[in-house]
PDB file of N, CA and C in Angstrom:
ATOM      1  N   MET A   1     144.634 136.804  94.479  1.00  0.00           N
ATOM      2  CA  MET A   1     145.756 136.126  93.862  1.00  0.00           C
ATOM      3  C   MET A   1     146.882 135.882  94.850  1.00  0.00           C
ATOM      4  N   ASN A   2     147.131 136.837  95.691  1.00  0.00           N
ATOM      5  CA  ASN A   2     148.292 136.779  96.560  1.00  0.00           C
ATOM      6  C   ASN A   2     147.857 136.477  97.998  1.00  0.00           C
ATOM      7  N   ASP A   3     147.139 135.356  98.177  1.00  0.00           N
ATOM      8  CA  ASP A   3     146.618 135.060  99.510  1.00  0.00           C
ATOM      9  C   ASP A   3     147.463 134.056 100.275  1.00  0.00           C
ATOM     10  N   ARG A   4     148.620 133.719  99.755  1.00  0.00           N
ATOM     11  CA  ARG A   4     149.561 132.813 100.408  1.00  0.00           C
ATOM     12  C   ARG A   4     148.992 131.404 100.567  1.00  0.00           C
ATOM     13  N   ASP A   5     148.124 130.985  99.686  1.00  0.00           N
ATOM     14  CA  ASP A   5     147.570 129.638  99.749  1.00  0.00           C
ATOM     15  C   ASP A   5     148.154 128.805  98.626  1.00  0.00           C
ATOM     16  N   ALA A   6     149.149 128.041  98.954  1.00  0.00           N
ATOM     17  CA  ALA A   6     149.884 127.288  97.934  1.00  0.00           C
ATOM     18  C   ALA A   6     149.028 126.240  97.241  1.00  0.00           C
ATOM     19  N   PHE A   7     147.907 125.892  97.818  1.00  0.00           N
ATOM     20  CA  PHE A   7     147.090 124.851  97.206  1.00  0.00           C
ATOM     21  C   PHE A   7     146.067 125.400  96.228  1.00  0.00           C
ATOM     22  N   ASN A   8     145.885 126.687  96.163  1.00  0.00           N
ATOM     23  CA  ASN A   8     144.896 127.264  95.262  1.00  0.00           C
ATOM     24  C   ASN A   8     145.506 128.098  94.154  1.00  0.00           C
ATOM     25  N   ASP A   9     146.299 129.077  94.517  1.00  0.00           N
ATOM     26  CA  ASP A   9     146.765 130.069  93.551  1.00  0.00           C
ATOM     27  C   ASP A   9     147.588 129.507  92.410  1.00  0.00           C
ATOM     28  N   GLY A  10     148.542 128.692  92.724  1.00  0.00           N
ATOM     29  CA  GLY A  10     149.461 128.212  91.702  1.00  0.00           C
ATOM     30  C   GLY A  10     148.822 127.338  90.657  1.00  0.00           C
ATOM     31  N   ILE A  11     147.794 126.616  91.034  1.00  0.00           N
ATOM     32  CA  ILE A  11     147.143 125.699  90.113  1.00  0.00           C
ATOM     33  C   ILE A  11     146.584 126.452  88.912  1.00  0.00           C
ATOM     34  N   PHE A  12     145.983 127.599  89.148  1.00  0.00           N
ATOM     35  CA  PHE A  12     145.385 128.340  88.039  1.00  0.00           C
ATOM     36  C   PHE A  12     146.186 129.578  87.639  1.00  0.00           C
ATOM     37  N   GLY A  13     147.360 129.754  88.201  1.00  0.00           N
ATOM     38  CA  GLY A  13     148.149 130.966  87.946  1.00  0.00           C
ATOM     39  C   GLY A  13     148.468 131.210  86.488  1.00  0.00           C
ATOM     40  N   SER A  14     148.885 130.187  85.769  1.00  0.00           N
ATOM     41  CA  SER A  14     149.250 130.358  84.367  1.00  0.00           C
ATOM     42  C   SER A  14     148.036 130.703  83.512  1.00  0.00           C
ATOM     43  N   LEU A  15     146.938 129.999  83.733  1.00  0.00           N
ATOM     44  CA  LEU A  15     145.704 130.291  82.997  1.00  0.00           C
ATOM     45  C   LEU A  15     145.232 131.717  83.291  1.00  0.00           C
ATOM     46  N   TRP A  16     145.259 132.085  84.562  1.00  0.00           N
ATOM     47  CA  TRP A  16     144.829 133.428  84.948  1.00  0.00           C
ATOM     48  C   TRP A  16     145.698 134.495  84.265  1.00  0.00           C
ATOM     49  N   ALA A  17     147.004 134.291  84.255  1.00  0.00           N
ATOM     50  CA  ALA A  17     147.912 135.270  83.635  1.00  0.00           C
ATOM     51  C   ALA A  17     147.623 135.421  82.147  1.00  0.00           C
ATOM     52  N   ARG A  18     147.417 134.314  81.460  1.00  0.00           N
ATOM     53  CA  ARG A  18     147.113 134.388  80.022  1.00  0.00           C
ATOM     54  C   ARG A  18     145.815 135.128  79.769  1.00  0.00           C
ATOM     55  N   GLN A  19     144.795 134.849  80.571  1.00  0.00           N
ATOM     56  CA  GLN A  19     143.505 135.523  80.392  1.00  0.00           C
ATOM     57  C   GLN A  19     143.616 137.009  80.720  1.00  0.00           C
ATOM     58  N   MET A  20     144.329 137.336  81.781  1.00  0.00           N
ATOM     59  CA  MET A  20     144.478 138.740  82.174  1.00  0.00           C
ATOM     60  C   MET A  20     145.217 139.531  81.101  1.00  0.00           C
ATOM     61  N   ILE A  21     146.236 138.946  80.528  1.00  0.00           N
ATOM     62  CA  ILE A  21     146.978 139.626  79.465  1.00  0.00           C
ATOM     63  C   ILE A  21     146.101 139.807  78.237  1.00  0.00           C
ATOM     64  N   ALA A  22     145.332 138.773  77.889  1.00  0.00           N
ATOM     65  CA  ALA A  22     144.452 138.862  76.725  1.00  0.00           C
ATOM     66  C   ALA A  22     143.395 139.947  76.921  1.00  0.00           C
ATOM     67  N   LEU A  23     142.875 140.072  78.121  1.00  0.00           N
ATOM     68  CA  LEU A  23     141.809 141.039  78.388  1.00  0.00           C
ATOM     69  C   LEU A  23     142.322 142.464  78.543  1.00  0.00           C
ATOM     70  N   THR A  24     143.519 142.611  79.079  1.00  0.00           N
ATOM     71  CA  THR A  24     144.012 143.961  79.407  1.00  0.00           C
ATOM     72  C   THR A  24     145.211 144.391  78.577  1.00  0.00           C
ATOM     73  N   GLY A  25     145.697 143.528  77.724  1.00  0.00           N
ATOM     74  CA  GLY A  25     146.897 143.863  76.972  1.00  0.00           C
ATOM     75  C   GLY A  25     148.137 143.914  77.845  1.00  0.00           C
ATOM     76  N   GLY A  26     148.091 143.250  78.980  1.00  0.00           N
ATOM     77  CA  GLY A  26     149.253 143.206  79.873  1.00  0.00           C
ATOM     78  C   GLY A  26     149.393 144.421  80.761  1.00  0.00           C
ATOM     79  N   GLN A  27     148.388 145.271  80.778  1.00  0.00           N
ATOM     80  CA  GLN A  27     148.465 146.495  81.572  1.00  0.00           C
ATOM     81  C   GLN A  27     147.467 146.432  82.724  1.00  0.00           C
ATOM     82  N   HIS A  28     147.746 145.646  83.707  1.00  0.00           N
ATOM     83  CA  HIS A  28     146.840 145.533  84.841  1.00  0.00           C
ATOM     84  C   HIS A  28     147.662 145.448  86.120  1.00  0.00           C
ATOM     85  N   GLU A  29     147.201 146.138  87.158  1.00  0.00           N
ATOM     86  CA  GLU A  29     147.964 146.199  88.406  1.00  0.00           C
ATOM     87  C   GLU A  29     148.111 144.834  89.082  1.00  0.00           C
ATOM     88  N   SER A  30     147.198 143.909  88.825  1.00  0.00           N
ATOM     89  CA  SER A  30     147.311 142.599  89.460  1.00  0.00           C
ATOM     90  C   SER A  30     148.506 141.804  88.928  1.00  0.00           C
ATOM     91  N   LEU A  31     148.986 142.142  87.739  1.00  0.00           N
ATOM     92  CA  LEU A  31     150.185 141.472  87.225  1.00  0.00           C
ATOM     93  C   LEU A  31     151.393 141.815  88.089  1.00  0.00           C
ATOM     94  N   THR A  32     151.407 143.011  88.651  1.00  0.00           N
ATOM     95  CA  THR A  32     152.484 143.395  89.564  1.00  0.00           C
ATOM     96  C   THR A  32     152.435 142.527  90.817  1.00  0.00           C
ATOM     97  N   ALA A  33     151.234 142.261  91.330  1.00  0.00           N
ATOM     98  CA  ALA A  33     151.098 141.391  92.508  1.00  0.00           C
ATOM     99  C   ALA A  33     151.587 139.983  92.185  1.00  0.00           C
ATOM    100  N   LEU A  34     151.267 139.504  91.004  1.00  0.00           N
ATOM    101  CA  LEU A  34     151.732 138.178  90.587  1.00  0.00           C
ATOM    102  C   LEU A  34     153.259 138.127  90.546  1.00  0.00           C
ATOM    103  N   ARG A  35     153.861 139.129  89.957  1.00  0.00           N
ATOM    104  CA  ARG A  35     155.324 139.154  89.855  1.00  0.00           C
ATOM    105  C   ARG A  35     155.979 139.271  91.228  1.00  0.00           C
ATOM    106  N   THR A  36     155.394 140.064  92.114  1.00  0.00           N
ATOM    107  CA  THR A  36     155.923 140.207  93.472  1.00  0.00           C
ATOM    108  C   THR A  36     155.828 138.884  94.223  1.00  0.00           C
ATOM    109  N   THR A  37     154.701 138.186  94.073  1.00  0.00           N
ATOM    110  CA  THR A  37     154.524 136.883  94.701  1.00  0.00           C
ATOM    111  C   THR A  37     155.560 135.901  94.174  1.00  0.00           C
ATOM    112  N   ALA A  38     155.774 135.897  92.875  1.00  0.00           N
ATOM    113  CA  ALA A  38     156.749 134.977  92.276  1.00  0.00           C
ATOM    114  C   ALA A  38     158.155 135.236  92.809  1.00  0.00           C
ATOM    115  N   LYS A  39     158.509 136.498  92.973  1.00  0.00           N
ATOM    116  CA  LYS A  39     159.831 136.814  93.530  1.00  0.00           C
ATOM    117  C   LYS A  39     159.954 136.305  94.960  1.00  0.00           C
ATOM    118  N   SER A  40     158.881 136.427  95.733  1.00  0.00           N
ATOM    119  CA  SER A  40     158.893 135.935  97.110  1.00  0.00           C
ATOM    120  C   SER A  40     158.998 134.416  97.148  1.00  0.00           C
ATOM    121  N   ILE A  41     158.279 133.742  96.247  1.00  0.00           N
ATOM    122  CA  ILE A  41     158.359 132.279  96.175  1.00  0.00           C
ATOM    123  C   ILE A  41     159.784 131.850  95.846  1.00  0.00           C
ATOM    124  N   ALA A  42     160.381 132.495  94.848  1.00  0.00           N
ATOM    125  CA  ALA A  42     161.742 132.145  94.443  1.00  0.00           C
ATOM    126  C   ALA A  42     162.724 132.374  95.589  1.00  0.00           C
ATOM    127  N   ALA A  43     162.534 133.464  96.315  1.00  0.00           N
ATOM    128  CA  ALA A  43     163.434 133.769  97.429  1.00  0.00           C
ATOM    129  C   ALA A  43     163.249 132.803  98.598  1.00  0.00           C
ATOM    130  N   SER A  44     162.077 132.185  98.691  1.00  0.00           N
ATOM    131  CA  SER A  44     161.780 131.275  99.803  1.00  0.00           C
ATOM    132  C   SER A  44     162.106 129.822  99.502  1.00  0.00           C
ATOM    133  N   ARG A  45     162.632 129.554  98.322  1.00  0.00           N
ATOM    134  CA  ARG A  45     162.898 128.158  97.980  1.00  0.00           C
ATOM    135  C   ARG A  45     163.897 127.576  98.969  1.00  0.00           C
ATOM    136  N   THR A  46     163.832 126.277  99.112  1.00  0.00           N
ATOM    137  CA  THR A  46     164.651 125.632 100.140  1.00  0.00           C
ATOM    138  C   THR A  46     166.134 125.647  99.769  1.00  0.00           C
ATOM    139  N   THR A  47     166.937 125.535 100.798  1.00  0.00           N
ATOM    140  CA  THR A  47     168.388 125.498 100.642  1.00  0.00           C
ATOM    141  C   THR A  47     168.898 124.140 101.117  1.00  0.00           C
ATOM    142  N   ALA A  48     170.182 123.965 101.104  1.00  0.00           N
ATOM    143  CA  ALA A  48     170.789 122.690 101.490  1.00  0.00           C
ATOM    144  C   ALA A  48     170.447 122.294 102.927  1.00  0.00           C
ATOM    145  N   ASP A  49     170.124 123.261 103.767  1.00  0.00           N
ATOM    146  CA  ASP A  49     169.826 122.928 105.161  1.00  0.00           C
ATOM    147  C   ASP A  49     168.352 122.597 105.401  1.00  0.00           C
ATOM    148  N   TYR A  50     167.562 122.414 104.336  1.00  0.00           N
ATOM    149  CA  TYR A  50     166.154 122.030 104.487  1.00  0.00           C
ATOM    150  C   TYR A  50     166.058 120.542 104.806  1.00  0.00           C
ATOM    151  N   HIS A  51     165.526 120.239 105.995  1.00  0.00           N
ATOM    152  CA  HIS A  51     165.354 118.859 106.443  1.00  0.00           C
ATOM    153  C   HIS A  51     163.932 118.695 106.960  1.00  0.00           C
ATOM    154  N   PRO A  52     163.019 118.262 106.098  1.00  0.00           N
ATOM    155  CA  PRO A  52     161.625 118.113 106.530  1.00  0.00           C
ATOM    156  C   PRO A  52     161.455 116.943 107.497  1.00  0.00           C
ATOM    157  N   ALA A  53     160.279 116.863 108.092  1.00  0.00           N
ATOM    158  CA  ALA A  53     159.997 115.784 109.045  1.00  0.00           C
ATOM    159  C   ALA A  53     160.096 114.418 108.385  1.00  0.00           C
ATOM    160  N   TYR A  54     159.777 114.343 107.097  1.00  0.00           N
ATOM    161  CA  TYR A  54     159.912 113.087 106.360  1.00  0.00           C
ATOM    162  C   TYR A  54     160.117 113.401 104.885  1.00  0.00           C
ATOM    163  N   GLY A  55     160.647 112.440 104.167  1.00  0.00           N
ATOM    164  CA  GLY A  55     160.888 112.617 102.735  1.00  0.00           C
ATOM    165  C   GLY A  55     162.205 113.313 102.461  1.00  0.00           C
ATOM    166  N   PRO A  56     162.475 113.525 101.171  1.00  0.00           N
ATOM    167  CA  PRO A  56     163.754 114.148 100.791  1.00  0.00           C
ATOM    168  C   PRO A  56     163.817 115.611 101.205  1.00  0.00           C
ATOM    169  N   GLY A  57     165.020 116.079 101.394  1.00  0.00           N
ATOM    170  CA  GLY A  57     165.243 117.478 101.731  1.00  0.00           C
ATOM    171  C   GLY A  57     166.239 118.084 100.778  1.00  0.00           C
ATOM    172  N   GLY A  58     166.732 119.237 101.136  1.00  0.00           N
ATOM    173  CA  GLY A  58     167.761 119.873 100.332  1.00  0.00           C
ATOM    174  C   GLY A  58     167.253 121.030  99.497  1.00  0.00           C
ATOM    175  N   VAL A  59     167.983 121.313  98.433  1.00  0.00           N
ATOM    176  CA  VAL A  59     167.772 122.485  97.597  1.00  0.00           C
ATOM    177  C   VAL A  59     166.663 122.246  96.575  1.00  0.00           C
ATOM    178  N   GLY A  60     165.916 123.311  96.262  1.00  0.00           N
ATOM    179  CA  GLY A  60     165.039 123.292  95.103  1.00  0.00           C
ATOM    180  C   GLY A  60     163.570 123.052  95.326  1.00  0.00           C
ATOM    181  N   PHE A  61     163.119 122.974  96.549  1.00  0.00           N
ATOM    182  CA  PHE A  61     161.686 122.847  96.801  1.00  0.00           C
ATOM    183  C   PHE A  61     161.100 124.235  97.058  1.00  0.00           C
ATOM    184  N   TYR A  62     159.822 124.385  96.812  1.00  0.00           N
ATOM    185  CA  TYR A  62     159.159 125.677  96.981  1.00  0.00           C
ATOM    186  C   TYR A  62     158.055 125.540  98.015  1.00  0.00           C
ATOM    187  N   PRO A  63     158.285 126.051  99.233  1.00  0.00           N
ATOM    188  CA  PRO A  63     157.304 125.887 100.307  1.00  0.00           C
ATOM    189  C   PRO A  63     156.060 126.753 100.089  1.00  0.00           C
ATOM    190  N   GLY A  64     155.014 126.424 100.837  1.00  0.00           N
ATOM    191  CA  GLY A  64     153.782 127.200 100.767  1.00  0.00           C
ATOM    192  C   GLY A  64     153.862 128.511 101.523  1.00  0.00           C
ATOM    193  N   ASP A  65     154.851 128.681 102.364  1.00  0.00           N
ATOM    194  CA  ASP A  65     155.008 129.906 103.149  1.00  0.00           C
ATOM    195  C   ASP A  65     155.841 130.913 102.365  1.00  0.00           C
ATOM    196  N   TRP A  66     155.198 131.587 101.457  1.00  0.00           N
ATOM    197  CA  TRP A  66     155.903 132.456 100.513  1.00  0.00           C
ATOM    198  C   TRP A  66     156.485 133.694 101.152  1.00  0.00           C
ATOM    199  N   ALA A  67     156.008 134.049 102.329  1.00  0.00           N
ATOM    200  CA  ALA A  67     156.542 135.222 103.015  1.00  0.00           C
ATOM    201  C   ALA A  67     157.538 134.820 104.096  1.00  0.00           C
ATOM    202  N   GLY A  68     157.954 133.575 104.079  1.00  0.00           N
ATOM    203  CA  GLY A  68     158.872 133.090 105.100  1.00  0.00           C
ATOM    204  C   GLY A  68     158.106 132.385 106.207  1.00  0.00           C
ATOM    205  N   GLY A  69     158.799 131.894 107.172  1.00  0.00           N
ATOM    206  CA  GLY A  69     158.163 131.181 108.265  1.00  0.00           C
ATOM    207  C   GLY A  69     157.948 129.722 107.923  1.00  0.00           C
ATOM    208  N   ASN A  70     157.176 129.034 108.773  1.00  0.00           N
ATOM    209  CA  ASN A  70     156.937 127.617 108.514  1.00  0.00           C
ATOM    210  C   ASN A  70     155.539 127.181 108.925  1.00  0.00           C
ATOM    211  N   LEU A  71     154.549 128.030 108.738  1.00  0.00           N
ATOM    212  CA  LEU A  71     153.173 127.692 109.091  1.00  0.00           C
ATOM    213  C   LEU A  71     152.704 126.433 108.375  1.00  0.00           C
ATOM    214  N   TRP A  72     152.918 126.352 107.071  1.00  0.00           N
ATOM    215  CA  TRP A  72     152.480 125.182 106.314  1.00  0.00           C
ATOM    216  C   TRP A  72     153.254 123.937 106.723  1.00  0.00           C
ATOM    217  N   GLU A  73     154.539 124.083 106.953  1.00  0.00           N
ATOM    218  CA  GLU A  73     155.341 122.938 107.386  1.00  0.00           C
ATOM    219  C   GLU A  73     154.826 122.407 108.719  1.00  0.00           C
ATOM    220  N   GLY A  74     154.420 123.307 109.594  1.00  0.00           N
ATOM    221  CA  GLY A  74     153.872 122.904 110.876  1.00  0.00           C
ATOM    222  C   GLY A  74     152.582 122.113 110.754  1.00  0.00           C
ATOM    223  N   LYS A  75     151.894 122.272 109.631  1.00  0.00           N
ATOM    224  CA  LYS A  75     150.655 121.525 109.364  1.00  0.00           C
ATOM    225  C   LYS A  75     150.923 120.310 108.474  1.00  0.00           C
ATOM    226  N   GLU A  76     152.185 119.943 108.386  1.00  0.00           N
ATOM    227  CA  GLU A  76     152.658 118.795 107.603  1.00  0.00           C
ATOM    228  C   GLU A  76     152.409 118.933 106.105  1.00  0.00           C
ATOM    229  N   SER A  77     152.404 120.163 105.610  1.00  0.00           N
ATOM    230  CA  SER A  77     152.380 120.421 104.171  1.00  0.00           C
ATOM    231  C   SER A  77     153.794 120.820 103.779  1.00  0.00           C
ATOM    232  N   MET A  78     154.625 119.820 103.611  1.00  0.00           N
ATOM    233  CA  MET A  78     156.049 120.029 103.393  1.00  0.00           C
ATOM    234  C   MET A  78     156.350 120.531 101.989  1.00  0.00           C
ATOM    235  N   ALA A  79     157.374 121.322 101.892  1.00  0.00           N
ATOM    236  CA  ALA A  79     157.802 121.838 100.586  1.00  0.00           C
ATOM    237  C   ALA A  79     158.212 120.712  99.643  1.00  0.00           C
ATOM    238  N   ASN A  80     158.629 119.574 100.201  1.00  0.00           N
ATOM    239  CA  ASN A  80     159.064 118.470  99.351  1.00  0.00           C
ATOM    240  C   ASN A  80     157.892 117.665  98.794  1.00  0.00           C
ATOM    241  N   MET A  81     156.668 118.057  99.106  1.00  0.00           N
ATOM    242  CA  MET A  81     155.490 117.400  98.548  1.00  0.00           C
ATOM    243  C   MET A  81     155.192 118.001  97.178  1.00  0.00           C
ATOM    244  N   MET A  82     154.895 117.147  96.215  1.00  0.00           N
ATOM    245  CA  MET A  82     154.685 117.595  94.843  1.00  0.00           C
ATOM    246  C   MET A  82     153.595 118.661  94.739  1.00  0.00           C
ATOM    247  N   HIS A  83     152.487 118.494  95.431  1.00  0.00           N
ATOM    248  CA  HIS A  83     151.397 119.457  95.297  1.00  0.00           C
ATOM    249  C   HIS A  83     151.729 120.808  95.929  1.00  0.00           C
ATOM    250  N   VAL A  84     152.655 120.857  96.845  1.00  0.00           N
ATOM    251  CA  VAL A  84     153.058 122.129  97.445  1.00  0.00           C
ATOM    252  C   VAL A  84     154.047 122.842  96.524  1.00  0.00           C
ATOM    253  N   SER A  85     155.145 122.180  96.188  1.00  0.00           N
ATOM    254  CA  SER A  85     156.135 122.786  95.292  1.00  0.00           C
ATOM    255  C   SER A  85     155.548 123.047  93.911  1.00  0.00           C
ATOM    256  N   GLY A  86     154.782 122.096  93.386  1.00  0.00           N
ATOM    257  CA  GLY A  86     154.219 122.239  92.043  1.00  0.00           C
ATOM    258  C   GLY A  86     153.290 123.423  91.922  1.00  0.00           C
ATOM    259  N   SER A  87     152.463 123.653  92.915  1.00  0.00           N
ATOM    260  CA  SER A  87     151.546 124.783  92.880  1.00  0.00           C
ATOM    261  C   SER A  87     152.310 126.105  92.947  1.00  0.00           C
ATOM    262  N   SER A  88     153.316 126.153  93.802  1.00  0.00           N
ATOM    263  CA  SER A  88     154.127 127.370  93.908  1.00  0.00           C
ATOM    264  C   SER A  88     154.856 127.654  92.599  1.00  0.00           C
ATOM    265  N   VAL A  89     155.362 126.616  91.966  1.00  0.00           N
ATOM    266  CA  VAL A  89     156.065 126.785  90.692  1.00  0.00           C
ATOM    267  C   VAL A  89     155.103 127.283  89.614  1.00  0.00           C
ATOM    268  N   GLY A  90     153.827 126.919  89.711  1.00  0.00           N
ATOM    269  CA  GLY A  90     152.828 127.431  88.769  1.00  0.00           C
ATOM    270  C   GLY A  90     152.790 128.945  88.747  1.00  0.00           C
ATOM    271  N   LEU A  91     152.944 129.574  89.889  1.00  0.00           N
ATOM    272  CA  LEU A  91     152.969 131.042  89.936  1.00  0.00           C
ATOM    273  C   LEU A  91     154.273 131.591  89.376  1.00  0.00           C
ATOM    274  N   LEU A  92     155.380 130.888  89.588  1.00  0.00           N
ATOM    275  CA  LEU A  92     156.641 131.326  88.988  1.00  0.00           C
ATOM    276  C   LEU A  92     156.539 131.316  87.465  1.00  0.00           C
ATOM    277  N   VAL A  93     155.979 130.246  86.916  1.00  0.00           N
ATOM    278  CA  VAL A  93     155.829 130.136  85.466  1.00  0.00           C
ATOM    279  C   VAL A  93     154.904 131.229  84.947  1.00  0.00           C
ATOM    280  N   ALA A  94     153.813 131.488  85.641  1.00  0.00           N
ATOM    281  CA  ALA A  94     152.875 132.535  85.218  1.00  0.00           C
ATOM    282  C   ALA A  94     153.562 133.900  85.178  1.00  0.00           C
ATOM    283  N   ALA A  95     154.384 134.184  86.180  1.00  0.00           N
ATOM    284  CA  ALA A  95     155.079 135.475  86.213  1.00  0.00           C
ATOM    285  C   ALA A  95     156.100 135.583  85.093  1.00  0.00           C
ATOM    286  N   VAL A  96     156.819 134.505  84.829  1.00  0.00           N
ATOM    287  CA  VAL A  96     157.785 134.503  83.725  1.00  0.00           C
ATOM    288  C   VAL A  96     157.056 134.723  82.409  1.00  0.00           C
ATOM    289  N   TYR A  97     155.902 134.113  82.249  1.00  0.00           N
ATOM    290  CA  TYR A  97     155.097 134.285  81.037  1.00  0.00           C
ATOM    291  C   TYR A  97     154.730 135.759  80.831  1.00  0.00           C
ATOM    292  N   THR A  98     154.313 136.432  81.909  1.00  0.00           N
ATOM    293  CA  THR A  98     153.928 137.842  81.760  1.00  0.00           C
ATOM    294  C   THR A  98     155.135 138.698  81.390  1.00  0.00           C
ATOM    295  N   GLU A  99     156.297 138.372  81.937  1.00  0.00           N
ATOM    296  CA  GLU A  99     157.516 139.099  81.580  1.00  0.00           C
ATOM    297  C   GLU A  99     157.866 138.850  80.114  1.00  0.00           C
ATOM    298  N   TRP A 100     157.690 137.616  79.659  1.00  0.00           N
ATOM    299  CA  TRP A 100     157.986 137.274  78.270  1.00  0.00           C
ATOM    300  C   TRP A 100     157.081 138.067  77.337  1.00  0.00           C
ATOM    301  N   VAL A 101     155.794 138.152  77.676  1.00  0.00           N
ATOM    302  CA  VAL A 101     154.855 138.916  76.851  1.00  0.00           C
ATOM    303  C   VAL A 101     155.270 140.378  76.799  1.00  0.00           C
ATOM    304  N   ASP A 102     155.691 140.941  77.925  1.00  0.00           N
ATOM    305  CA  ASP A 102     156.175 142.326  77.945  1.00  0.00           C
ATOM    306  C   ASP A 102     157.363 142.507  77.014  1.00  0.00           C
ATOM    307  N   ASN A 103     158.305 141.581  77.048  1.00  0.00           N
ATOM    308  CA  ASN A 103     159.492 141.683  76.199  1.00  0.00           C
ATOM    309  C   ASN A 103     159.148 141.549  74.724  1.00  0.00           C
ATOM    310  N   VAL A 104     158.224 140.659  74.388  1.00  0.00           N
ATOM    311  CA  VAL A 104     157.796 140.509  72.995  1.00  0.00           C
ATOM    312  C   VAL A 104     157.128 141.786  72.519  1.00  0.00           C
ATOM    313  N   ALA A 105     156.277 142.370  73.361  1.00  0.00           N
ATOM    314  CA  ALA A 105     155.586 143.599  72.989  1.00  0.00           C
ATOM    315  C   ALA A 105     156.566 144.744  72.743  1.00  0.00           C
ATOM    316  N   LYS A 106     157.645 144.784  73.495  1.00  0.00           N
ATOM    317  CA  LYS A 106     158.634 145.848  73.337  1.00  0.00           C
ATOM    318  C   LYS A 106     159.453 145.693  72.058  1.00  0.00           C
ATOM    319  N   THR A 107     159.635 144.444  71.638  1.00  0.00           N
ATOM    320  CA  THR A 107     160.498 144.210  70.473  1.00  0.00           C
ATOM    321  C   THR A 107     159.729 143.980  69.180  1.00  0.00           C
ATOM    322  N   SER A 108     158.422 143.790  69.264  1.00  0.00           N
ATOM    323  CA  SER A 108     157.635 143.498  68.066  1.00  0.00           C
ATOM    324  C   SER A 108     156.472 144.466  67.948  1.00  0.00           C
ATOM    325  N   LYS A 109     156.370 145.092  66.823  1.00  0.00           N
ATOM    326  CA  LYS A 109     155.265 146.020  66.576  1.00  0.00           C
ATOM    327  C   LYS A 109     154.186 145.372  65.720  1.00  0.00           C
ATOM    328  N   SER A 110     154.404 144.129  65.257  1.00  0.00           N
ATOM    329  CA  SER A 110     153.471 143.502  64.343  1.00  0.00           C
ATOM    330  C   SER A 110     152.261 142.881  65.046  1.00  0.00           C
ATOM    331  N   ALA A 111     152.385 142.476  66.296  1.00  0.00           N
ATOM    332  CA  ALA A 111     151.265 141.857  67.005  1.00  0.00           C
ATOM    333  C   ALA A 111     150.512 142.916  67.797  1.00  0.00           C
ATOM    334  N   PRO A 112     149.180 142.852  67.781  1.00  0.00           N
ATOM    335  CA  PRO A 112     148.396 143.790  68.596  1.00  0.00           C
ATOM    336  C   PRO A 112     148.729 143.623  70.078  1.00  0.00           C
ATOM    337  N   ALA A 113     148.621 144.695  70.846  1.00  0.00           N
ATOM    338  CA  ALA A 113     149.002 144.683  72.250  1.00  0.00           C
ATOM    339  C   ALA A 113     148.170 143.692  73.070  1.00  0.00           C
ATOM    340  N   ASN A 114     146.929 143.421  72.672  1.00  0.00           N
ATOM    341  CA  ASN A 114     146.087 142.540  73.466  1.00  0.00           C
ATOM    342  C   ASN A 114     146.054 141.103  72.930  1.00  0.00           C
ATOM    343  N   GLU A 115     146.921 140.766  72.001  1.00  0.00           N
ATOM    344  CA  GLU A 115     146.975 139.401  71.469  1.00  0.00           C
ATOM    345  C   GLU A 115     147.873 138.550  72.351  1.00  0.00           C
ATOM    346  N   THR A 116     147.341 137.425  72.802  1.00  0.00           N
ATOM    347  CA  THR A 116     148.092 136.511  73.648  1.00  0.00           C
ATOM    348  C   THR A 116     148.858 135.534  72.781  1.00  0.00           C
ATOM    349  N   PRO A 117     150.181 135.438  72.911  1.00  0.00           N
ATOM    350  CA  PRO A 117     150.948 134.452  72.148  1.00  0.00           C
ATOM    351  C   PRO A 117     150.514 133.042  72.499  1.00  0.00           C
ATOM    352  N   ARG A 118     150.603 132.145  71.565  1.00  0.00           N
ATOM    353  CA  ARG A 118     150.198 130.751  71.790  1.00  0.00           C
ATOM    354  C   ARG A 118     151.398 129.844  71.694  1.00  0.00           C
TER     355      ARG A 118
END
């Protein structure tokens, strides 16, 4: 899950999170890796000083280099490209979903622990 490949992980991140929660009731160590990755992605988002080789720059893009650096940018996979930012955002959404499920479980006793909200 946390292999730093912006073109693979984010695409299926939300589906994977929903399935993992349904199968484990939200109690699986890989959810921690997902949340840690999402925090790193959020922390790596571009700032006003982001000026890619081409295309728009500025705030709000999510690069493929989730641990910092610019390896992907050096290969012309810019954060301002939809498939790069979009895939990274997929993992952010998946992590938020798992947090939401945790909060619902804490406040509601009526739903079984392994039931995935729809």
